[in-house]
Amino acid sequence: LRAQASATEKMSSCFSVKNSGKLSSCPAGSVVTGSACGYTCGSWDIWGKTMCHGQCSPVDWTTACCCHLT
């Protein structure tokens, strides 16, 4: 899964947000473009446009790859 910008939106200024547990969110004004999670979990999904969810159990950390839209 990878978020797509619309024809009128342009992605810029990308960064990562790492949190402990199964969820990691991008701040207001940015969208998720990808994710990674701990304990070699390769299964994750995007909730809405701003939150990553690690689907394995247990997951000790989740990182959201975020980009601001312009």
Protein backbone atom coordinates (compact mmCIF):
# COMPACT_ATOMS: atom_id res chain seq x y z
CA LEU A 1 0.00 0.00 0.00
CA ARG A 2 1.24 3.44 -0.84
CA ALA A 3 -0.66 6.72 -0.68
CA GLN A 4 -1.00 8.64 -3.92
CA ALA A 5 -1.19 12.41 -4.24
CA SER A 6 -4.01 13.74 -6.41
CA ALA A 7 -3.29 15.52 -9.68
CA THR A 8 -3.43 18.90 -7.90
CA GLU A 9 -1.34 17.87 -4.87
CA LYS A 10 2.44 17.62 -4.78
CA MET A 11 4.44 15.79 -2.11
CA SER A 12 7.40 17.55 -0.54
CA SER A 13 9.35 17.54 2.71
CA CYS A 14 9.15 13.85 3.64
CA PHE A 15 10.07 12.49 7.09
CA SER A 16 9.49 9.52 9.44
CA VAL A 17 7.52 9.30 12.69
CA LYS A 18 8.35 6.32 14.95
CA ASN A 19 6.23 5.22 17.93
CA SER A 20 6.19 2.20 20.22
CA GLY A 21 3.36 -0.26 19.62
CA LYS A 22 1.22 -0.94 16.55
CA LEU A 23 0.24 2.62 15.54
CA SER A 24 2.11 5.63 14.21
CA SER A 25 0.51 8.81 12.84
CA CYS A 26 1.58 11.62 10.56
CA PRO A 27 0.91 15.17 11.80
CA ALA A 28 -1.75 17.46 10.32
CA GLY A 29 -0.97 18.60 6.79
CA SER A 30 0.90 15.42 5.87
CA VAL A 31 -0.03 11.97 4.55
CA VAL A 32 1.36 8.45 4.98
CA THR A 33 3.44 7.25 2.02
CA GLY A 34 4.69 4.00 3.57
CA SER A 35 5.36 2.16 6.82
CA ALA A 36 7.66 -0.22 8.66
CA CYS A 37 7.19 -2.16 11.89
CA GLY A 38 9.32 -4.12 14.35
CA TYR A 39 9.79 -7.82 15.17
CA THR A 40 10.32 -8.44 11.43
CA CYS A 41 6.64 -7.77 10.80
CA GLY A 42 6.11 -7.09 7.11
CA SER A 43 2.36 -6.76 7.37
CA TRP A 44 0.91 -3.27 7.81
CA ASP A 45 -1.88 -1.11 6.46
CA ILE A 46 -2.81 2.56 6.27
CA TRP A 47 -5.85 3.83 8.17
CA GLY A 48 -7.29 6.93 6.55
CA LYS A 49 -4.47 8.98 5.06
CA THR A 50 -2.49 9.62 8.24
CA MET A 51 -2.05 6.46 10.34
CA CYS A 52 0.03 3.28 9.94
CA HIS A 53 -1.04 0.07 11.66
CA GLY A 54 1.33 -2.89 12.20
CA GLN A 55 -0.77 -6.05 11.79
CA CYS A 56 1.51 -8.56 13.54
CA SER A 57 1.40 -9.49 17.20
CA PRO A 58 3.51 -8.47 18.96
CA VAL A 59 4.88 -5.33 17.31
CA ASP A 60 7.29 -3.28 19.42
CA TRP A 61 7.44 -0.22 17.12
CA THR A 62 5.82 1.23 14.00
CA THR A 63 7.18 3.96 11.73
CA ALA A 64 5.04 6.09 9.45
CA CYS A 65 6.73 7.57 6.39
CA CYS A 66 5.07 10.97 5.98
CA CYS A 67 5.12 13.73 3.35
CA HIS A 68 3.66 17.23 3.46
CA LEU A 69 1.29 18.08 0.61
CA THR A 70 1.60 21.37 -1.23
